[in-house]
Amino acid sequence: MSKFELTWKNFQKEENEKEIIAEGLVVIFFFYFFLSFVSFWQFLEGDVPYSSFWHAPWKWILNAIL
């Protein structure tokens, strides 16, 4: 194998436990905010009643922006 040849080992990332937990939290928060955005949109359309669990993050964001 030459000096400049790449193998799959070069592309494999060694992940430690903290990175896996952090990536998992990012995915969870992404889905939470996505679902809360959909729910907030439905609330604005009048389809669902207000729920602080789903709508509070967007209320905080809108209050911070406006």
PDB file of N, CA and C in Angstrom:
ATOM      1  N   MET A   1       0.848  -1.182   0.000  1.00  0.00           N
ATOM      2  CA  MET A   1       0.000   0.000   0.000  1.00  0.00           C
ATOM      3  C   MET A   1       0.895   1.247   0.000  1.00  0.00           C
ATOM      4  N   SER A   2       0.553   2.163  -0.848  1.00  0.00           N
ATOM      5  CA  SER A   2       1.384   3.358  -0.961  1.00  0.00           C
ATOM      6  C   SER A   2       1.094   4.324   0.188  1.00  0.00           C
ATOM      7  N   LYS A   3       1.912   5.292   0.270  1.00  0.00           N
ATOM      8  CA  LYS A   3       1.818   6.273   1.349  1.00  0.00           C
ATOM      9  C   LYS A   3       0.535   7.103   1.264  1.00  0.00           C
ATOM     10  N   PHE A   4       0.024   7.357   0.074  1.00  0.00           N
ATOM     11  CA  PHE A   4      -1.114   8.244  -0.114  1.00  0.00           C
ATOM     12  C   PHE A   4      -2.431   7.506  -0.376  1.00  0.00           C
ATOM     13  N   GLU A   5      -2.426   6.191  -0.252  1.00  0.00           N
ATOM     14  CA  GLU A   5      -3.633   5.422  -0.510  1.00  0.00           C
ATOM     15  C   GLU A   5      -4.558   5.474   0.707  1.00  0.00           C
ATOM     16  N   LEU A   6      -5.834   5.690   0.448  1.00  0.00           N
ATOM     17  CA  LEU A   6      -6.808   5.770   1.530  1.00  0.00           C
ATOM     18  C   LEU A   6      -7.523   4.442   1.701  1.00  0.00           C
ATOM     19  N   THR A   7      -7.816   4.112   2.925  1.00  0.00           N
ATOM     20  CA  THR A   7      -8.596   2.911   3.227  1.00  0.00           C
ATOM     21  C   THR A   7      -9.786   3.323   4.073  1.00  0.00           C
ATOM     22  N   TRP A   8     -10.678   2.368   4.332  1.00  0.00           N
ATOM     23  CA  TRP A   8     -11.852   2.664   5.153  1.00  0.00           C
ATOM     24  C   TRP A   8     -11.454   3.078   6.563  1.00  0.00           C
ATOM     25  N   LYS A   9     -10.331   2.623   7.021  1.00  0.00           N
ATOM     26  CA  LYS A   9      -9.878   2.995   8.365  1.00  0.00           C
ATOM     27  C   LYS A   9      -9.625   4.495   8.462  1.00  0.00           C
ATOM     28  N   ASN A  10      -9.255   5.116   7.350  1.00  0.00           N
ATOM     29  CA  ASN A  10      -9.029   6.549   7.358  1.00  0.00           C
ATOM     30  C   ASN A  10     -10.330   7.323   7.550  1.00  0.00           C
ATOM     31  N   PHE A  11     -11.438   6.741   7.118  1.00  0.00           N
ATOM     32  CA  PHE A  11     -12.711   7.436   7.185  1.00  0.00           C
ATOM     33  C   PHE A  11     -13.508   7.116   8.447  1.00  0.00           C
ATOM     34  N   GLN A  12     -13.120   6.075   9.151  1.00  0.00           N
ATOM     35  CA  GLN A  12     -13.840   5.720  10.366  1.00  0.00           C
ATOM     36  C   GLN A  12     -13.476   6.691  11.469  1.00  0.00           C
ATOM     37  N   LYS A  13     -14.510   7.227  12.095  1.00  0.00           N
ATOM     38  CA  LYS A  13     -14.310   8.203  13.161  1.00  0.00           C
ATOM     39  C   LYS A  13     -14.369   7.464  14.496  1.00  0.00           C
ATOM     40  N   GLU A  14     -13.391   7.695  15.302  1.00  0.00           N
ATOM     41  CA  GLU A  14     -13.425   7.103  16.631  1.00  0.00           C
ATOM     42  C   GLU A  14     -14.256   8.007  17.523  1.00  0.00           C
ATOM     43  N   GLU A  15     -15.418   7.498  17.927  1.00  0.00           N
ATOM     44  CA  GLU A  15     -16.325   8.291  18.742  1.00  0.00           C
ATOM     45  C   GLU A  15     -16.212   7.858  20.192  1.00  0.00           C
ATOM     46  N   ASN A  16     -16.144   8.841  21.049  1.00  0.00           N
ATOM     47  CA  ASN A  16     -16.189   8.506  22.455  1.00  0.00           C
ATOM     48  C   ASN A  16     -17.618   8.654  22.948  1.00  0.00           C
ATOM     49  N   GLU A  17     -17.851   8.262  24.155  1.00  0.00           N
ATOM     50  CA  GLU A  17     -19.210   8.215  24.699  1.00  0.00           C
ATOM     51  C   GLU A  17     -19.850   9.603  24.782  1.00  0.00           C
ATOM     52  N   LYS A  18     -19.062  10.627  25.080  1.00  0.00           N
ATOM     53  CA  LYS A  18     -19.603  11.981  25.193  1.00  0.00           C
ATOM     54  C   LYS A  18     -20.124  12.490  23.855  1.00  0.00           C
ATOM     55  N   GLU A  19     -19.427  12.184  22.764  1.00  0.00           N
ATOM     56  CA  GLU A  19     -19.878  12.614  21.442  1.00  0.00           C
ATOM     57  C   GLU A  19     -21.179  11.935  21.060  1.00  0.00           C
ATOM     58  N   ILE A  20     -21.313  10.667  21.384  1.00  0.00           N
ATOM     59  CA  ILE A  20     -22.531   9.933  21.063  1.00  0.00           C
ATOM     60  C   ILE A  20     -23.713  10.510  21.843  1.00  0.00           C
ATOM     61  N   ILE A  21     -23.517  10.827  23.110  1.00  0.00           N
ATOM     62  CA  ILE A  21     -24.580  11.413  23.929  1.00  0.00           C
ATOM     63  C   ILE A  21     -24.952  12.798  23.394  1.00  0.00           C
ATOM     64  N   ALA A  22     -23.961  13.601  23.044  1.00  0.00           N
ATOM     65  CA  ALA A  22     -24.223  14.949  22.525  1.00  0.00           C
ATOM     66  C   ALA A  22     -24.974  14.883  21.199  1.00  0.00           C
ATOM     67  N   GLU A  23     -24.572  13.977  20.315  1.00  0.00           N
ATOM     68  CA  GLU A  23     -25.270  13.840  19.037  1.00  0.00           C
ATOM     69  C   GLU A  23     -26.696  13.357  19.249  1.00  0.00           C
ATOM     70  N   GLY A  24     -26.906  12.463  20.199  1.00  0.00           N
ATOM     71  CA  GLY A  24     -28.248  11.988  20.520  1.00  0.00           C
ATOM     72  C   GLY A  24     -29.128  13.108  21.043  1.00  0.00           C
ATOM     73  N   LEU A  25     -28.575  13.971  21.898  1.00  0.00           N
ATOM     74  CA  LEU A  25     -29.341  15.110  22.407  1.00  0.00           C
ATOM     75  C   LEU A  25     -29.703  16.095  21.298  1.00  0.00           C
ATOM     76  N   VAL A  26     -28.784  16.303  20.379  1.00  0.00           N
ATOM     77  CA  VAL A  26     -29.068  17.196  19.255  1.00  0.00           C
ATOM     78  C   VAL A  26     -30.216  16.638  18.417  1.00  0.00           C
ATOM     79  N   VAL A  27     -30.204  15.342  18.165  1.00  0.00           N
ATOM     80  CA  VAL A  27     -31.272  14.720  17.378  1.00  0.00           C
ATOM     81  C   VAL A  27     -32.601  14.822  18.115  1.00  0.00           C
ATOM     82  N   ILE A  28     -32.598  14.569  19.426  1.00  0.00           N
ATOM     83  CA  ILE A  28     -33.829  14.654  20.222  1.00  0.00           C
ATOM     84  C   ILE A  28     -34.383  16.075  20.200  1.00  0.00           C
ATOM     85  N   PHE A  29     -33.520  17.079  20.412  1.00  0.00           N
ATOM     86  CA  PHE A  29     -33.977  18.465  20.393  1.00  0.00           C
ATOM     87  C   PHE A  29     -34.463  18.877  19.007  1.00  0.00           C
ATOM     88  N   PHE A  30     -33.806  18.384  17.961  1.00  0.00           N
ATOM     89  CA  PHE A  30     -34.249  18.698  16.611  1.00  0.00           C
ATOM     90  C   PHE A  30     -35.667  18.189  16.389  1.00  0.00           C
ATOM     91  N   PHE A  31     -35.920  16.921  16.734  1.00  0.00           N
ATOM     92  CA  PHE A  31     -37.257  16.377  16.550  1.00  0.00           C
ATOM     93  C   PHE A  31     -38.276  17.063  17.449  1.00  0.00           C
ATOM     94  N   TYR A  32     -37.879  17.410  18.673  1.00  0.00           N
ATOM     95  CA  TYR A  32     -38.790  18.111  19.577  1.00  0.00           C
ATOM     96  C   TYR A  32     -39.197  19.466  18.997  1.00  0.00           C
ATOM     97  N   PHE A  33     -38.221  20.230  18.509  1.00  0.00           N
ATOM     98  CA  PHE A  33     -38.538  21.537  17.948  1.00  0.00           C
ATOM     99  C   PHE A  33     -39.308  21.405  16.640  1.00  0.00           C
ATOM    100  N   PHE A  34     -39.007  20.397  15.835  1.00  0.00           N
ATOM    101  CA  PHE A  34     -39.749  20.195  14.604  1.00  0.00           C
ATOM    102  C   PHE A  34     -41.207  19.857  14.904  1.00  0.00           C
ATOM    103  N   LEU A  35     -41.431  18.913  15.819  1.00  0.00           N
ATOM    104  CA  LEU A  35     -42.803  18.546  16.168  1.00  0.00           C
ATOM    105  C   LEU A  35     -43.533  19.688  16.865  1.00  0.00           C
ATOM    106  N   SER A  36     -42.823  20.449  17.687  1.00  0.00           N
ATOM    107  CA  SER A  36     -43.474  21.579  18.340  1.00  0.00           C
ATOM    108  C   SER A  36     -43.806  22.667  17.332  1.00  0.00           C
ATOM    109  N   PHE A  37     -42.977  22.829  16.294  1.00  0.00           N
ATOM    110  CA  PHE A  37     -43.289  23.793  15.244  1.00  0.00           C
ATOM    111  C   PHE A  37     -44.556  23.396  14.499  1.00  0.00           C
ATOM    112  N   VAL A  38     -44.682  22.099  14.170  1.00  0.00           N
ATOM    113  CA  VAL A  38     -45.882  21.617  13.491  1.00  0.00           C
ATOM    114  C   VAL A  38     -47.096  21.815  14.380  1.00  0.00           C
ATOM    115  N   SER A  39     -46.960  21.507  15.666  1.00  0.00           N
ATOM    116  CA  SER A  39     -48.063  21.669  16.599  1.00  0.00           C
ATOM    117  C   SER A  39     -48.420  23.143  16.776  1.00  0.00           C
ATOM    118  N   PHE A  40     -47.409  24.015  16.828  1.00  0.00           N
ATOM    119  CA  PHE A  40     -47.659  25.447  16.957  1.00  0.00           C
ATOM    120  C   PHE A  40     -48.381  25.978  15.721  1.00  0.00           C
ATOM    121  N   TRP A  41     -48.000  25.481  14.561  1.00  0.00           N
ATOM    122  CA  TRP A  41     -48.654  25.864  13.322  1.00  0.00           C
ATOM    123  C   TRP A  41     -50.129  25.446  13.358  1.00  0.00           C
ATOM    124  N   GLN A  42     -50.392  24.216  13.851  1.00  0.00           N
ATOM    125  CA  GLN A  42     -51.771  23.764  13.977  1.00  0.00           C
ATOM    126  C   GLN A  42     -52.532  24.608  14.994  1.00  0.00           C
ATOM    127  N   PHE A  43     -51.858  25.033  16.057  1.00  0.00           N
ATOM    128  CA  PHE A  43     -52.489  25.900  17.045  1.00  0.00           C
ATOM    129  C   PHE A  43     -52.884  27.235  16.413  1.00  0.00           C
ATOM    130  N   LEU A  44     -52.004  27.794  15.600  1.00  0.00           N
ATOM    131  CA  LEU A  44     -52.305  29.058  14.941  1.00  0.00           C
ATOM    132  C   LEU A  44     -53.464  28.928  13.955  1.00  0.00           C
ATOM    133  N   GLU A  45     -53.591  27.749  13.354  1.00  0.00           N
ATOM    134  CA  GLU A  45     -54.695  27.497  12.437  1.00  0.00           C
ATOM    135  C   GLU A  45     -55.992  27.190  13.179  1.00  0.00           C
ATOM    136  N   GLY A  46     -55.914  26.958  14.497  1.00  0.00           N
ATOM    137  CA  GLY A  46     -57.095  26.677  15.292  1.00  0.00           C
ATOM    138  C   GLY A  46     -57.465  25.209  15.360  1.00  0.00           C
ATOM    139  N   ASP A  47     -56.554  24.326  14.933  1.00  0.00           N
ATOM    140  CA  ASP A  47     -56.861  22.897  14.918  1.00  0.00           C
ATOM    141  C   ASP A  47     -56.677  22.228  16.273  1.00  0.00           C
ATOM    142  N   VAL A  48     -55.724  22.697  17.084  1.00  0.00           N
ATOM    143  CA  VAL A  48     -55.447  22.076  18.379  1.00  0.00           C
ATOM    144  C   VAL A  48     -55.443  23.148  19.466  1.00  0.00           C
ATOM    145  N   PRO A  49     -55.762  22.780  20.721  1.00  0.00           N
ATOM    146  CA  PRO A  49     -55.695  23.760  21.807  1.00  0.00           C
ATOM    147  C   PRO A  49     -54.239  24.027  22.208  1.00  0.00           C
ATOM    148  N   TYR A  50     -54.031  25.099  22.977  1.00  0.00           N
ATOM    149  CA  TYR A  50     -52.682  25.470  23.411  1.00  0.00           C
ATOM    150  C   TYR A  50     -52.130  24.439  24.387  1.00  0.00           C
ATOM    151  N   SER A  51     -50.886  24.068  24.218  1.00  0.00           N
ATOM    152  CA  SER A  51     -50.192  23.154  25.123  1.00  0.00           C
ATOM    153  C   SER A  51     -48.813  23.737  25.403  1.00  0.00           C
ATOM    154  N   SER A  52     -48.516  24.027  26.657  1.00  0.00           N
ATOM    155  CA  SER A  52     -47.236  24.666  26.973  1.00  0.00           C
ATOM    156  C   SER A  52     -46.050  23.761  26.669  1.00  0.00           C
ATOM    157  N   PHE A  53     -46.251  22.438  26.736  1.00  0.00           N
ATOM    158  CA  PHE A  53     -45.145  21.528  26.430  1.00  0.00           C
ATOM    159  C   PHE A  53     -44.695  21.683  24.986  1.00  0.00           C
ATOM    160  N   TRP A  54     -45.629  21.805  24.064  1.00  0.00           N
ATOM    161  CA  TRP A  54     -45.282  21.907  22.649  1.00  0.00           C
ATOM    162  C   TRP A  54     -45.077  23.341  22.196  1.00  0.00           C
ATOM    163  N   HIS A  55     -45.824  24.282  22.732  1.00  0.00           N
ATOM    164  CA  HIS A  55     -45.817  25.617  22.158  1.00  0.00           C
ATOM    165  C   HIS A  55     -44.914  26.604  22.891  1.00  0.00           C
ATOM    166  N   ALA A  56     -44.495  26.305  24.104  1.00  0.00           N
ATOM    167  CA  ALA A  56     -43.668  27.242  24.867  1.00  0.00           C
ATOM    168  C   ALA A  56     -42.330  27.555  24.195  1.00  0.00           C
ATOM    169  N   PRO A  57     -41.600  26.587  23.613  1.00  0.00           N
ATOM    170  CA  PRO A  57     -40.321  26.957  22.972  1.00  0.00           C
ATOM    171  C   PRO A  57     -40.498  27.995  21.872  1.00  0.00           C
ATOM    172  N   TRP A  58     -41.566  27.857  21.079  1.00  0.00           N
ATOM    173  CA  TRP A  58     -41.776  28.814  20.001  1.00  0.00           C
ATOM    174  C   TRP A  58     -42.251  30.142  20.542  1.00  0.00           C
ATOM    175  N   LYS A  59     -42.981  30.105  21.634  1.00  0.00           N
ATOM    176  CA  LYS A  59     -43.407  31.361  22.269  1.00  0.00           C
ATOM    177  C   LYS A  59     -42.178  32.117  22.771  1.00  0.00           C
ATOM    178  N   TRP A  60     -41.225  31.412  23.391  1.00  0.00           N
ATOM    179  CA  TRP A  60     -39.994  32.047  23.864  1.00  0.00           C
ATOM    180  C   TRP A  60     -39.188  32.608  22.696  1.00  0.00           C
ATOM    181  N   ILE A  61     -39.097  31.851  21.619  1.00  0.00           N
ATOM    182  CA  ILE A  61     -38.327  32.314  20.462  1.00  0.00           C
ATOM    183  C   ILE A  61     -38.982  33.540  19.843  1.00  0.00           C
ATOM    184  N   LEU A  62     -40.303  33.508  19.684  1.00  0.00           N
ATOM    185  CA  LEU A  62     -40.994  34.659  19.098  1.00  0.00           C
ATOM    186  C   LEU A  62     -40.905  35.878  20.006  1.00  0.00           C
ATOM    187  N   ASN A  63     -40.998  35.676  21.323  1.00  0.00           N
ATOM    188  CA  ASN A  63     -40.863  36.807  22.250  1.00  0.00           C
ATOM    189  C   ASN A  63     -39.452  37.385  22.207  1.00  0.00           C
ATOM    190  N   ALA A  64     -38.455  36.537  22.023  1.00  0.00           N
ATOM    191  CA  ALA A  64     -37.078  37.022  21.949  1.00  0.00           C
ATOM    192  C   ALA A  64     -36.837  37.821  20.669  1.00  0.00           C
ATOM    193  N   ILE A  65     -37.444  37.377  19.581  1.00  0.00           N
ATOM    194  CA  ILE A  65     -37.250  38.056  18.290  1.00  0.00           C
ATOM    195  C   ILE A  65     -38.071  39.338  18.226  1.00  0.00           C
ATOM    196  N   LEU A  66     -39.316  39.252  18.664  1.00  0.00           N
ATOM    197  CA  LEU A  66     -40.199  40.404  18.558  1.00  0.00           C
ATOM    198  C   LEU A  66     -40.097  41.204  19.826  1.00  0.00           C
TER     199      LEU A  66
END
